Amino acid sequence: MPFIDTHQLTTREPLPGWHGRFFSSERMTFGYYEVSAGAAIHPHAHPNEEVWHVLAGELEVTICDETRVAGPGSVAIVPPDTVHAVRARTDGRAIVVDQPVRRSIGGVTTD
């Protein structure tokens, strides 16, 4: 699967307000999210490294005990097994990449 049109992927809502389209390469999982203002992901940790790239809007990202507002062009890098949480301050869009492949995101299997 060398080429993917992300607009053709099924949109899923793994958490309220988090509308995502997901696919995996051999080693990474990609989530293309459209997020509603006020939507939140509770504090949690997982064995995957996770990179958040904010495309539009503002996300409040907490990694360990540090919270920052990430706007367009901002990137937040979450090391493996690190507690993190995210809250959308505005409507927005982000690409989230997990490495290694993450088969389940918010209870939704990506395959």
Protein backbone atom coordinates (compact mmCIF):
# COMPACT_ATOMS: atom_id res chain seq x y z
CA MET A 1 0.00 0.00 0.00
CA PRO A 2 2.47 2.68 -1.14
CA PHE A 3 -0.20 5.38 -1.76
CA ILE A 4 -3.18 6.30 0.42
CA ASP A 5 -5.81 8.97 -0.12
CA THR A 6 -6.68 9.83 3.48
CA HIS A 7 -9.95 11.44 2.33
CA GLN A 8 -11.12 7.96 1.24
CA LEU A 9 -10.62 6.44 4.71
CA THR A 10 -13.60 5.82 7.00
CA THR A 11 -13.98 8.50 9.68
CA ARG A 12 -14.31 7.10 13.20
CA GLU A 13 -14.97 8.78 16.54
CA PRO A 14 -12.87 6.93 19.14
CA LEU A 15 -13.70 9.59 21.76
CA PRO A 16 -16.41 12.28 21.75
CA GLY A 17 -15.32 15.16 19.52
CA TRP A 18 -12.32 13.30 18.06
CA HIS A 19 -13.10 12.41 14.43
CA GLY A 20 -10.23 10.49 12.90
CA ARG A 21 -9.14 8.64 9.79
CA PHE A 22 -6.49 5.98 10.51
CA PHE A 23 -3.98 3.85 8.67
CA SER A 24 -0.74 2.07 9.46
CA SER A 25 2.50 1.58 7.58
CA GLU A 26 4.79 -1.30 8.48
CA ARG A 27 6.13 0.51 11.57
CA MET A 28 3.84 3.48 12.34
CA THR A 29 0.17 4.35 12.83
CA PHE A 30 -1.23 7.65 11.56
CA GLY A 31 -4.35 9.43 12.78
CA TYR A 32 -5.76 12.39 10.89
CA TYR A 33 -8.03 14.14 13.39
CA GLU A 34 -10.65 16.84 13.18
CA VAL A 35 -11.35 17.90 16.76
CA SER A 36 -14.27 19.79 18.28
CA ALA A 37 -13.60 22.56 20.80
CA GLY A 38 -13.72 21.19 24.34
CA ALA A 39 -13.04 17.57 23.32
CA ALA A 40 -10.51 15.92 25.61
CA ILE A 41 -8.35 12.84 25.92
CA HIS A 42 -7.91 11.80 29.56
CA PRO A 43 -4.45 11.37 31.10
CA HIS A 44 -3.03 8.04 29.96
CA ALA A 45 0.18 6.32 28.86
CA HIS A 46 1.02 3.62 26.32
CA PRO A 47 4.21 1.93 25.10
CA ASN A 48 4.22 3.86 21.80
CA GLU A 49 6.13 7.04 21.11
CA GLU A 50 3.55 9.56 19.88
CA VAL A 51 4.04 12.74 17.85
CA TRP A 52 1.28 15.35 17.60
CA HIS A 53 1.48 17.82 14.68
CA VAL A 54 -1.15 20.55 14.99
CA LEU A 55 -2.43 21.78 11.62
CA ALA A 56 -5.22 24.15 12.73
CA GLY A 57 -6.76 25.45 15.94
CA GLU A 58 -5.31 25.16 19.43
CA LEU A 59 -4.72 22.04 21.48
CA GLU A 60 -3.71 22.10 25.12
CA VAL A 61 -1.21 19.26 25.46
CA THR A 62 0.04 17.97 28.81
CA ILE A 63 3.12 15.72 28.90
CA CYS A 64 4.03 14.61 32.42
CA ASP A 65 3.42 17.77 34.45
CA GLU A 66 4.05 20.30 31.67
CA THR A 67 1.14 21.85 29.78
CA ARG A 68 1.47 23.95 26.64
CA VAL A 69 -0.88 25.35 24.05
CA ALA A 70 0.01 24.02 20.60
CA GLY A 71 -1.14 25.93 17.54
CA PRO A 72 -0.65 25.46 13.80
CA GLY A 73 2.84 24.20 13.05
CA SER A 74 3.48 23.11 16.63
CA VAL A 75 4.65 19.58 17.41
CA ALA A 76 4.41 17.74 20.73
CA ILE A 77 6.53 14.61 21.22
CA VAL A 78 5.34 12.10 23.82
CA PRO A 79 7.98 9.53 24.82
CA PRO A 80 6.86 5.91 25.33
CA ASP A 81 5.18 5.09 28.67
CA THR A 82 4.71 8.79 29.50
CA VAL A 83 1.47 10.16 30.94
CA HIS A 84 -0.12 12.70 28.62
CA ALA A 85 -3.49 14.34 27.95
CA VAL A 86 -4.95 16.63 25.29
CA ARG A 87 -7.82 19.12 25.28
CA ALA A 88 -9.03 21.10 22.28
CA ARG A 89 -9.27 24.81 23.12
CA THR A 90 -10.81 25.46 19.69
CA ASP A 91 -11.97 23.39 16.75
CA GLY A 92 -8.85 22.08 15.07
CA ARG A 93 -6.98 19.49 13.07
CA ALA A 94 -3.93 17.40 13.89
CA ILE A 95 -1.94 14.48 12.58
CA VAL A 96 -0.89 12.02 15.28
CA VAL A 97 1.77 9.40 14.58
CA ASP A 98 2.49 6.41 16.83
CA GLN A 99 5.58 4.23 16.61
CA PRO A 100 5.58 1.25 16.68
CA VAL A 101 2.25 0.43 15.05
CA ARG A 102 -0.68 0.98 17.40
CA ARG A 103 -3.47 -1.42 16.48
CA SER A 104 -6.05 0.13 18.78
CA ILE A 105 -6.71 3.82 19.31
CA GLY A 106 -9.46 4.71 21.77
CA GLY A 107 -10.85 1.21 21.45
CA VAL A 108 -10.94 1.39 17.64
CA THR A 109 -8.83 -1.17 15.74
CA THR A 110 -6.95 0.51 12.87
CA ASP A 111 -6.79 -2.53 10.57
